[in-house]
N, C-alpha and C. Protein backbone atom coordinates (compact mmCIF):
# COMPACT_ATOMS: atom_id res chain seq x y z
N ARG A 1 146.79 99.49 110.22
CA ARG A 1 147.21 99.15 108.87
C ARG A 1 146.65 97.78 108.51
N ASN A 2 146.04 97.69 107.34
CA ASN A 2 145.62 96.40 106.81
C ASN A 2 146.78 95.75 106.10
N TYR A 3 146.98 94.49 106.33
CA TYR A 3 148.03 93.76 105.65
C TYR A 3 147.41 92.96 104.53
N ASP A 4 148.12 92.86 103.43
CA ASP A 4 147.62 92.08 102.32
C ASP A 4 148.14 90.66 102.45
N TRP A 5 147.35 89.71 102.00
CA TRP A 5 147.73 88.30 102.18
C TRP A 5 148.99 87.96 101.41
N VAL A 6 149.30 88.67 100.33
CA VAL A 6 150.52 88.36 99.58
C VAL A 6 151.77 88.78 100.35
N ASP A 7 151.61 89.57 101.43
CA ASP A 7 152.74 89.92 102.28
C ASP A 7 153.21 88.75 103.12
N PHE A 8 152.44 87.67 103.17
CA PHE A 8 152.75 86.52 104.01
C PHE A 8 152.83 85.26 103.14
N PRO A 9 154.04 84.79 102.81
CA PRO A 9 154.19 83.64 101.91
C PRO A 9 153.48 82.38 102.41
N GLU A 10 153.34 82.22 103.71
CA GLU A 10 152.67 81.02 104.23
C GLU A 10 151.21 80.93 103.82
N LEU A 11 150.60 82.06 103.42
CA LEU A 11 149.20 82.05 102.99
C LEU A 11 149.05 81.59 101.55
N SER A 12 150.17 81.38 100.84
CA SER A 12 150.13 80.88 99.46
C SER A 12 150.26 79.37 99.39
N ILE A 13 150.47 78.73 100.52
CA ILE A 13 150.65 77.28 100.57
C ILE A 13 149.28 76.60 100.63
N PRO A 14 149.09 75.50 99.88
CA PRO A 14 147.81 74.77 99.98
C PRO A 14 147.54 74.32 101.41
N VAL A 15 146.27 74.30 101.77
CA VAL A 15 145.88 73.89 103.12
C VAL A 15 144.82 72.80 103.01
N GLN A 16 144.93 71.82 103.91
CA GLN A 16 144.00 70.68 103.90
C GLN A 16 143.65 70.36 105.35
N LEU A 17 142.36 70.14 105.59
CA LEU A 17 141.89 69.82 106.93
C LEU A 17 140.77 68.81 106.81
N GLY A 18 140.77 67.85 107.71
CA GLY A 18 139.74 66.81 107.66
C GLY A 18 139.18 66.51 109.04
N ASN A 19 138.10 65.77 109.02
CA ASN A 19 137.44 65.36 110.25
C ASN A 19 136.70 64.06 109.95
N GLU A 20 136.51 63.27 110.96
CA GLU A 20 135.73 62.03 110.78
C GLU A 20 134.89 61.78 112.01
N THR A 21 133.83 61.00 111.81
CA THR A 21 132.95 60.67 112.91
C THR A 21 132.28 59.34 112.62
N ARG A 22 131.80 58.75 113.65
CA ARG A 22 130.95 57.55 113.52
C ARG A 22 129.52 58.05 113.62
N PHE A 23 128.79 57.93 112.52
CA PHE A 23 127.39 58.34 112.54
C PHE A 23 126.65 57.48 113.56
N ASN A 24 125.80 58.11 114.36
CA ASN A 24 124.93 57.34 115.25
C ASN A 24 123.54 57.95 115.23
N GLY A 25 122.57 57.12 115.42
CA GLY A 25 121.18 57.56 115.37
C GLY A 25 120.27 56.35 115.33
N PHE A 26 119.15 56.48 114.61
CA PHE A 26 118.17 55.41 114.59
C PHE A 26 118.72 54.13 113.97
N CYS A 27 119.31 54.28 112.79
CA CYS A 27 119.75 53.06 112.12
C CYS A 27 121.15 53.21 111.52
N CYS A 28 121.91 54.16 111.98
CA CYS A 28 123.26 54.32 111.44
C CYS A 28 124.25 54.21 112.59
N ASN A 29 124.68 53.03 112.86
CA ASN A 29 125.59 52.82 113.96
C ASN A 29 126.81 52.01 113.53
N ASP A 30 127.03 51.92 112.25
CA ASP A 30 128.13 51.10 111.79
C ASP A 30 128.93 51.86 110.73
N GLY A 31 130.19 52.06 110.98
CA GLY A 31 131.06 52.67 109.99
C GLY A 31 131.36 54.13 110.26
N ILE A 32 132.46 54.57 109.69
CA ILE A 32 132.95 55.93 109.90
C ILE A 32 132.84 56.71 108.60
N VAL A 33 132.50 57.97 108.73
CA VAL A 33 132.47 58.88 107.59
C VAL A 33 133.57 59.93 107.82
N SER A 34 134.41 60.12 106.80
CA SER A 34 135.43 61.16 106.90
C SER A 34 135.25 62.16 105.76
N MET A 35 135.60 63.40 106.05
CA MET A 35 135.50 64.47 105.06
C MET A 35 136.79 65.29 105.15
N THR A 36 137.40 65.53 103.99
CA THR A 36 138.61 66.34 103.92
C THR A 36 138.37 67.48 102.95
N VAL A 37 138.70 68.71 103.37
CA VAL A 37 138.53 69.89 102.54
C VAL A 37 139.93 70.44 102.21
N THR A 38 140.15 70.74 100.93
CA THR A 38 141.45 71.23 100.48
C THR A 38 141.28 72.56 99.74
N LEU A 39 142.10 73.53 100.10
CA LEU A 39 142.17 74.83 99.42
C LEU A 39 143.54 74.95 98.77
N PRO A 40 143.63 75.56 97.58
CA PRO A 40 144.94 75.71 96.93
C PRO A 40 145.84 76.71 97.63
N GLN A 41 145.27 77.57 98.46
CA GLN A 41 146.01 78.57 99.24
C GLN A 41 145.09 79.03 100.36
N GLN A 42 145.64 79.79 101.29
CA GLN A 42 144.83 80.24 102.41
C GLN A 42 144.50 81.74 102.32
N GLY A 43 145.14 82.46 101.40
CA GLY A 43 144.89 83.89 101.25
C GLY A 43 144.16 84.20 99.96
N PHE A 44 143.18 85.09 100.04
CA PHE A 44 142.36 85.46 98.88
C PHE A 44 142.07 86.95 98.92
N SER A 45 141.59 87.47 97.82
CA SER A 45 141.23 88.88 97.71
C SER A 45 139.73 89.00 97.45
N PRO A 46 139.12 90.14 97.83
CA PRO A 46 137.70 90.34 97.52
C PRO A 46 137.45 90.19 96.03
N GLY A 47 136.37 89.52 95.68
CA GLY A 47 136.02 89.32 94.28
C GLY A 47 136.68 88.11 93.64
N GLN A 48 137.59 87.46 94.34
CA GLN A 48 138.31 86.32 93.79
C GLN A 48 137.48 85.04 93.88
N VAL A 49 137.66 84.16 92.91
CA VAL A 49 137.03 82.85 92.95
C VAL A 49 137.87 81.95 93.86
N VAL A 50 137.21 81.28 94.79
CA VAL A 50 137.87 80.40 95.73
C VAL A 50 137.55 78.96 95.34
N PRO A 51 138.51 78.24 94.75
CA PRO A 51 138.28 76.83 94.42
C PRO A 51 138.61 75.96 95.63
N PHE A 52 137.88 74.89 95.81
CA PHE A 52 138.19 73.96 96.89
C PHE A 52 137.68 72.57 96.54
N THR A 53 138.19 71.58 97.23
CA THR A 53 137.82 70.19 96.98
C THR A 53 137.34 69.57 98.28
N ILE A 54 136.26 68.80 98.19
CA ILE A 54 135.77 68.03 99.34
C ILE A 54 135.90 66.56 98.98
N LEU A 55 136.60 65.81 99.81
CA LEU A 55 136.75 64.37 99.62
C LEU A 55 135.99 63.66 100.73
N TYR A 56 135.04 62.82 100.33
CA TYR A 56 134.28 62.01 101.28
C TYR A 56 134.73 60.56 101.19
N VAL A 57 134.88 59.94 102.34
CA VAL A 57 135.04 58.49 102.43
C VAL A 57 133.94 58.04 103.40
N ASN A 58 132.86 57.49 102.83
CA ASN A 58 131.70 57.09 103.63
C ASN A 58 131.71 55.58 103.77
N LYS A 59 132.15 55.10 104.92
CA LYS A 59 132.18 53.66 105.20
C LYS A 59 131.06 53.27 106.15
N SER A 60 130.02 54.10 106.20
CA SER A 60 128.92 53.83 107.12
C SER A 60 127.73 53.24 106.37
N THR A 61 126.70 52.94 107.12
CA THR A 61 125.47 52.41 106.53
C THR A 61 124.45 53.51 106.27
N ALA A 62 124.86 54.77 106.43
CA ALA A 62 123.95 55.90 106.24
C ALA A 62 124.46 56.79 105.11
N ASP A 63 123.51 57.43 104.43
CA ASP A 63 123.85 58.40 103.39
C ASP A 63 124.12 59.77 104.03
N VAL A 64 125.02 60.52 103.43
CA VAL A 64 125.15 61.94 103.75
C VAL A 64 124.14 62.63 102.83
N SER A 65 123.14 63.26 103.41
CA SER A 65 122.05 63.81 102.60
C SER A 65 122.38 65.18 102.02
N LEU A 66 123.27 65.94 102.67
CA LEU A 66 123.51 67.32 102.25
C LEU A 66 124.88 67.77 102.73
N THR A 67 125.53 68.56 101.91
CA THR A 67 126.76 69.25 102.33
C THR A 67 126.47 70.74 102.31
N LYS A 68 126.61 71.36 103.47
CA LYS A 68 126.31 72.78 103.62
C LYS A 68 127.64 73.55 103.69
N ILE A 69 127.77 74.58 102.86
CA ILE A 69 129.02 75.35 102.77
C ILE A 69 128.71 76.80 103.09
N GLU A 70 129.47 77.36 104.04
CA GLU A 70 129.24 78.73 104.48
C GLU A 70 130.57 79.47 104.63
N LEU A 71 130.52 80.78 104.47
CA LEU A 71 131.64 81.65 104.77
C LEU A 71 131.28 82.41 106.04
N TRP A 72 132.05 82.21 107.09
CA TRP A 72 131.80 82.88 108.36
C TRP A 72 132.77 84.02 108.55
N ARG A 73 132.26 85.15 109.01
CA ARG A 73 133.10 86.28 109.40
C ARG A 73 132.94 86.51 110.88
N LYS A 74 134.04 86.49 111.59
CA LYS A 74 134.03 86.68 113.03
C LYS A 74 134.79 87.98 113.32
N THR A 75 134.11 88.93 113.97
CA THR A 75 134.72 90.20 114.33
C THR A 75 134.82 90.25 115.84
N ILE A 76 136.03 90.50 116.33
CA ILE A 76 136.27 90.56 117.77
C ILE A 76 136.65 91.99 118.13
N TYR A 77 135.85 92.62 118.97
CA TYR A 77 136.10 93.97 119.45
C TYR A 77 136.65 93.86 120.88
N THR A 78 137.81 94.42 121.11
CA THR A 78 138.44 94.32 122.42
C THR A 78 138.63 95.72 123.01
N THR A 79 138.16 95.89 124.23
CA THR A 79 138.37 97.14 124.97
C THR A 79 138.99 96.75 126.31
N PRO A 80 139.48 97.71 127.06
CA PRO A 80 140.03 97.36 128.38
C PRO A 80 138.98 96.75 129.31
N MET A 81 137.72 97.04 129.06
CA MET A 81 136.66 96.55 129.96
C MET A 81 136.10 95.19 129.56
N ARG A 82 136.02 94.93 128.23
CA ARG A 82 135.40 93.67 127.81
C ARG A 82 135.74 93.36 126.36
N THR A 83 135.37 92.16 125.94
CA THR A 83 135.55 91.72 124.56
C THR A 83 134.19 91.31 124.02
N LYS A 84 133.87 91.77 122.81
CA LYS A 84 132.60 91.41 122.17
C LYS A 84 132.92 90.69 120.87
N VAL A 85 132.23 89.59 120.63
CA VAL A 85 132.41 88.81 119.41
C VAL A 85 131.13 88.87 118.60
N ASP A 86 131.27 89.22 117.33
CA ASP A 86 130.14 89.31 116.42
C ASP A 86 130.40 88.36 115.25
N SER A 87 129.54 87.39 115.04
CA SER A 87 129.72 86.43 113.94
C SER A 87 128.61 86.56 112.93
N VAL A 88 128.98 86.54 111.67
CA VAL A 88 128.02 86.61 110.57
C VAL A 88 128.38 85.48 109.61
N SER A 89 127.38 84.74 109.17
CA SER A 89 127.66 83.68 108.19
C SER A 89 126.85 83.93 106.93
N GLU A 90 127.45 83.57 105.82
CA GLU A 90 126.78 83.69 104.53
C GLU A 90 126.77 82.31 103.89
N SER A 91 125.58 81.80 103.63
CA SER A 91 125.46 80.50 103.00
C SER A 91 125.94 80.61 101.56
N ILE A 92 126.89 79.78 101.20
CA ILE A 92 127.45 79.83 99.86
C ILE A 92 126.71 78.88 98.93
N LYS A 93 126.62 77.63 99.33
CA LYS A 93 125.91 76.67 98.50
C LYS A 93 125.68 75.39 99.28
N HIS A 94 124.79 74.59 98.73
CA HIS A 94 124.55 73.25 99.23
C HIS A 94 124.81 72.29 98.08
N THR A 95 125.39 71.17 98.38
CA THR A 95 125.65 70.19 97.33
C THR A 95 124.92 68.91 97.62
N GLN A 96 124.97 68.05 96.66
CA GLN A 96 124.32 66.75 96.79
C GLN A 96 124.97 65.95 97.91
N GLY A 97 124.31 64.91 98.30
CA GLY A 97 124.82 64.06 99.35
C GLY A 97 125.76 62.99 98.83
N VAL A 98 126.10 62.08 99.71
CA VAL A 98 127.02 61.00 99.39
C VAL A 98 126.37 59.69 99.84
N LYS A 99 126.27 58.75 98.94
CA LYS A 99 125.66 57.45 99.26
C LYS A 99 126.54 56.67 100.24
N ARG A 100 125.91 55.77 100.96
CA ARG A 100 126.64 54.91 101.90
C ARG A 100 127.69 54.08 101.15
N ALA A 101 128.75 53.75 101.85
CA ALA A 101 129.84 52.93 101.32
C ALA A 101 130.39 53.48 100.00
N THR A 102 130.64 54.79 99.97
CA THR A 102 131.11 55.47 98.75
C THR A 102 132.29 56.37 99.09
N THR A 103 133.23 56.45 98.16
CA THR A 103 134.29 57.45 98.21
C THR A 103 134.12 58.34 97.00
N ILE A 104 134.01 59.65 97.23
CA ILE A 104 133.75 60.59 96.14
C ILE A 104 134.43 61.93 96.45
N SER A 105 134.79 62.64 95.40
CA SER A 105 135.42 63.94 95.54
C SER A 105 134.62 64.97 94.74
N PHE A 106 134.41 66.15 95.33
CA PHE A 106 133.72 67.25 94.67
C PHE A 106 134.70 68.40 94.48
N ASN A 107 134.80 68.93 93.27
CA ASN A 107 135.57 70.15 93.00
C ASN A 107 134.57 71.29 92.89
N LEU A 108 134.63 72.22 93.82
CA LEU A 108 133.66 73.31 93.89
C LEU A 108 134.39 74.65 93.93
N SER A 109 133.64 75.71 93.77
CA SER A 109 134.21 77.06 93.90
C SER A 109 133.09 78.04 94.21
N PHE A 110 133.48 79.18 94.74
CA PHE A 110 132.55 80.28 94.95
C PHE A 110 133.33 81.58 94.80
N ARG A 111 132.62 82.65 94.52
CA ARG A 111 133.26 83.96 94.36
C ARG A 111 133.04 84.76 95.65
N LEU A 112 134.14 85.29 96.17
CA LEU A 112 134.03 86.16 97.34
C LEU A 112 133.34 87.45 96.95
N PRO A 113 132.56 88.03 97.86
CA PRO A 113 131.95 89.33 97.55
C PRO A 113 133.03 90.38 97.30
N LEU A 114 132.70 91.38 96.48
CA LEU A 114 133.66 92.45 96.19
C LEU A 114 133.91 93.36 97.38
N VAL A 115 132.93 93.44 98.27
CA VAL A 115 133.07 94.30 99.43
C VAL A 115 133.20 93.43 100.66
N LEU A 116 134.43 93.32 101.13
CA LEU A 116 134.72 92.56 102.35
C LEU A 116 135.77 93.32 103.13
N ASP A 117 135.64 93.32 104.44
CA ASP A 117 136.70 93.88 105.27
C ASP A 117 137.91 92.96 105.19
N ALA A 118 139.09 93.55 105.16
CA ALA A 118 140.29 92.73 105.12
C ALA A 118 140.53 92.06 106.46
N SER A 119 141.08 90.86 106.42
CA SER A 119 141.47 90.19 107.65
C SER A 119 142.60 90.99 108.28
N ASN A 120 142.63 91.02 109.60
CA ASN A 120 143.66 91.79 110.27
C ASN A 120 144.95 91.00 110.51
N TYR A 121 144.88 89.71 110.40
CA TYR A 121 146.04 88.84 110.56
C TYR A 121 146.76 89.11 111.88
N SER A 122 145.97 89.29 112.93
CA SER A 122 146.44 89.40 114.32
C SER A 122 147.30 90.61 114.62
N TYR A 123 147.24 91.68 113.83
CA TYR A 123 148.05 92.85 114.11
C TYR A 123 147.28 93.97 114.78
N CYS A 124 145.99 93.89 114.82
CA CYS A 124 145.20 94.92 115.47
C CYS A 124 144.72 94.39 116.81
N ARG A 125 145.01 95.10 117.87
CA ARG A 125 144.61 94.62 119.19
C ARG A 125 143.20 95.06 119.56
N LEU A 126 142.62 96.00 118.80
CA LEU A 126 141.29 96.49 119.14
C LEU A 126 140.19 95.77 118.37
N ILE A 127 140.39 95.59 117.07
CA ILE A 127 139.39 94.92 116.23
C ILE A 127 140.11 93.86 115.41
N ALA A 128 139.66 92.64 115.53
CA ALA A 128 140.24 91.54 114.75
C ALA A 128 139.13 90.94 113.88
N ILE A 129 139.41 90.76 112.60
CA ILE A 129 138.44 90.18 111.68
C ILE A 129 139.02 88.88 111.16
N GLN A 130 138.25 87.81 111.29
CA GLN A 130 138.69 86.49 110.84
C GLN A 130 137.61 85.88 109.96
N TYR A 131 138.04 85.11 108.97
CA TYR A 131 137.11 84.41 108.08
C TYR A 131 137.35 82.92 108.16
N VAL A 132 136.27 82.16 108.03
CA VAL A 132 136.35 80.70 108.08
C VAL A 132 135.45 80.13 106.99
N LEU A 133 136.00 79.20 106.21
CA LEU A 133 135.19 78.42 105.29
C LEU A 133 134.70 77.22 106.09
N ARG A 134 133.39 77.12 106.28
CA ARG A 134 132.79 76.07 107.10
C ARG A 134 132.04 75.11 106.20
N VAL A 135 132.41 73.83 106.27
CA VAL A 135 131.79 72.79 105.46
C VAL A 135 131.20 71.76 106.43
N GLU A 136 129.90 71.47 106.26
CA GLU A 136 129.22 70.55 107.17
C GLU A 136 128.52 69.45 106.38
N ALA A 137 128.74 68.21 106.79
CA ALA A 137 128.04 67.06 106.22
C ALA A 137 126.86 66.73 107.13
N ILE A 138 125.69 66.59 106.54
CA ILE A 138 124.46 66.36 107.30
C ILE A 138 123.82 65.07 106.82
N SER A 139 123.38 64.26 107.77
CA SER A 139 122.64 63.04 107.44
C SER A 139 121.26 63.13 108.07
N ASP A 140 120.22 62.85 107.28
CA ASP A 140 118.85 62.91 107.80
C ASP A 140 118.58 61.81 108.82
N MET A 141 119.34 60.74 108.74
CA MET A 141 119.06 59.58 109.59
C MET A 141 119.87 59.59 110.88
N CYS A 142 120.83 60.47 111.03
CA CYS A 142 121.74 60.40 112.17
C CYS A 142 121.72 61.70 112.97
N PHE A 143 122.13 61.60 114.20
CA PHE A 143 122.17 62.76 115.09
C PHE A 143 123.46 63.56 114.93
N THR A 144 124.53 62.90 114.55
CA THR A 144 125.82 63.58 114.44
C THR A 144 126.13 63.88 112.98
N GLY A 145 126.91 64.90 112.78
CA GLY A 145 127.38 65.26 111.45
C GLY A 145 128.87 65.55 111.54
N ILE A 146 129.43 65.99 110.44
CA ILE A 146 130.85 66.32 110.41
C ILE A 146 130.98 67.80 110.04
N VAL A 147 131.87 68.50 110.71
CA VAL A 147 132.13 69.90 110.39
C VAL A 147 133.64 70.08 110.23
N VAL A 148 134.02 70.75 109.14
CA VAL A 148 135.41 71.15 108.92
C VAL A 148 135.42 72.66 108.78
N LYS A 149 136.31 73.32 109.55
CA LYS A 149 136.42 74.78 109.51
C LYS A 149 137.84 75.14 109.09
N LEU A 150 137.96 75.78 107.92
CA LEU A 150 139.25 76.20 107.40
C LEU A 150 139.37 77.71 107.51
N PRO A 151 140.33 78.23 108.29
CA PRO A 151 140.52 79.68 108.32
C PRO A 151 141.11 80.17 107.00
N ILE A 152 140.59 81.29 106.51
CA ILE A 152 141.15 81.91 105.31
C ILE A 152 141.41 83.38 105.61
N THR A 153 142.32 83.97 104.87
CA THR A 153 142.66 85.37 105.03
C THR A 153 142.20 86.13 103.81
N ILE A 154 141.49 87.22 104.03
CA ILE A 154 141.02 88.07 102.95
C ILE A 154 141.94 89.29 102.88
N GLY A 155 142.53 89.51 101.71
CA GLY A 155 143.43 90.65 101.53
C GLY A 155 142.66 91.92 101.28
N ARG A 156 143.40 92.98 101.04
CA ARG A 156 142.75 94.28 100.89
C ARG A 156 142.56 94.69 99.44
N PHE A 157 143.18 93.99 98.51
CA PHE A 157 143.11 94.39 97.12
C PHE A 157 142.00 93.66 96.40
N LEU A 158 141.28 94.38 95.56
CA LEU A 158 140.25 93.78 94.74
C LEU A 158 140.90 93.07 93.56
N VAL A 159 140.33 91.96 93.19
CA VAL A 159 140.79 91.25 92.01
C VAL A 159 139.73 91.44 90.95
N ALA A 160 140.11 92.04 89.85
CA ALA A 160 139.16 92.27 88.76
C ALA A 160 139.65 91.49 87.54
N PRO A 161 138.74 91.00 86.74
CA PRO A 161 139.18 90.29 85.54
C PRO A 161 139.95 91.24 84.63
N SER A 162 140.96 90.71 83.97
CA SER A 162 141.74 91.57 83.09
C SER A 162 140.88 91.96 81.89
N VAL A 163 140.90 93.23 81.59
CA VAL A 163 140.10 93.78 80.50
C VAL A 163 141.04 94.52 79.57
N GLU A 164 140.93 94.24 78.30
CA GLU A 164 141.76 94.94 77.34
C GLU A 164 141.17 96.31 77.11
N ILE A 165 141.99 97.32 77.33
CA ILE A 165 141.53 98.70 77.15
C ILE A 165 141.87 99.10 75.72
N PRO A 166 140.86 99.46 74.94
CA PRO A 166 141.13 99.81 73.54
C PRO A 166 141.91 101.12 73.46
N HIS A 167 142.71 101.23 72.42
CA HIS A 167 143.45 102.47 72.20
C HIS A 167 142.50 103.53 71.64
N ILE A 168 142.46 104.65 72.31
CA ILE A 168 141.59 105.74 71.89
C ILE A 168 142.48 106.80 71.25
N PRO A 169 142.24 107.15 70.00
CA PRO A 169 143.10 108.16 69.36
C PRO A 169 142.96 109.51 70.05
N THR A 170 144.06 110.22 70.09
CA THR A 170 144.08 111.54 70.70
C THR A 170 143.51 112.55 69.69
N PRO A 171 142.60 113.41 70.14
CA PRO A 171 142.05 114.40 69.20
C PRO A 171 143.14 115.42 68.83
N PRO A 172 142.99 116.04 67.68
CA PRO A 172 143.98 117.04 67.28
C PRO A 172 143.92 118.23 68.24
N PRO A 173 145.04 118.95 68.39
CA PRO A 173 145.03 120.10 69.29
C PRO A 173 144.03 121.16 68.82
N LEU A 174 143.52 121.91 69.77
CA LEU A 174 142.53 122.94 69.46
C LEU A 174 143.17 124.26 69.04
N TYR A 175 144.47 124.29 69.05
CA TYR A 175 145.16 125.51 68.67
C TYR A 175 146.10 125.23 67.50
N ASN A 176 146.47 126.28 66.84
CA ASN A 176 147.43 126.20 65.76
C ASN A 176 148.81 126.46 66.38
N PRO A 177 149.81 125.57 66.17
CA PRO A 177 151.13 125.81 66.78
C PRO A 177 151.72 127.17 66.40
N ASP A 178 151.43 127.68 65.16
CA ASP A 178 151.94 129.00 64.77
C ASP A 178 151.32 130.10 65.64
N ASP A 179 150.02 129.95 65.97
CA ASP A 179 149.37 130.93 66.83
C ASP A 179 150.00 130.95 68.21
N LEU A 180 150.41 129.78 68.71
CA LEU A 180 151.04 129.69 70.02
C LEU A 180 152.39 130.40 70.02
N ARG A 181 153.15 130.26 68.94
CA ARG A 181 154.44 130.95 68.84
C ARG A 181 154.22 132.47 68.85
N LYS A 182 153.21 132.95 68.12
CA LYS A 182 152.91 134.38 68.08
C LYS A 182 152.54 134.88 69.48
N PHE A 183 151.76 134.07 70.21
CA PHE A 183 151.35 134.44 71.57
C PHE A 183 152.56 134.63 72.47
N PHE A 184 153.52 133.69 72.41
CA PHE A 184 154.71 133.81 73.25
C PHE A 184 155.59 135.00 72.83
N LYS A 185 155.59 135.34 71.55
CA LYS A 185 156.35 136.52 71.11
C LYS A 185 155.75 137.78 71.71
N ILE A 186 154.41 137.85 71.80
CA ILE A 186 153.73 139.01 72.34
C ILE A 186 154.08 139.16 73.82
N LEU A 187 154.16 138.03 74.55
CA LEU A 187 154.48 138.08 75.97
C LEU A 187 155.91 138.52 76.22
N ASN A 188 156.80 138.23 75.30
CA ASN A 188 158.20 138.61 75.49
C ASN A 188 158.35 140.02 75.12
């Protein structure tokens, strides 16, 4: 059975995760860069727009040249003999970098594909499907970067934009009601 994310109230709570590092490399050895990613909820449906915020606090002497955003799907197949893990990532977008000694926030969003397997939410012991929003800060001048991985749950219901359905008039009947009465009299 696939469970829908709305069945679990904890998936409606905003989630925030951050990471920080001291950039090191050729000429970036001073200062810490932190990145925090915030989602308004942890559960989503196929086709839904996923809004999120990235907050950078760059106290280093190096620029963040690129922010790479990906949606990872991890499928775990478990048998009595072995476990196989299959990971697939889809690049969502890349954003501009962040200058040294800067604090900046980006409000971004992406639309989930309409065709996605639902997350199993740990109820299937044979096949488990997990999704992760992966955000990575990359600096051209440094060897280290920052990665934040936020688990998200994909529900089973499609979200479609609301569309007003026009009222279509009903065509007149193809029979005459008097003819129908005569027909029933003949049968009796």
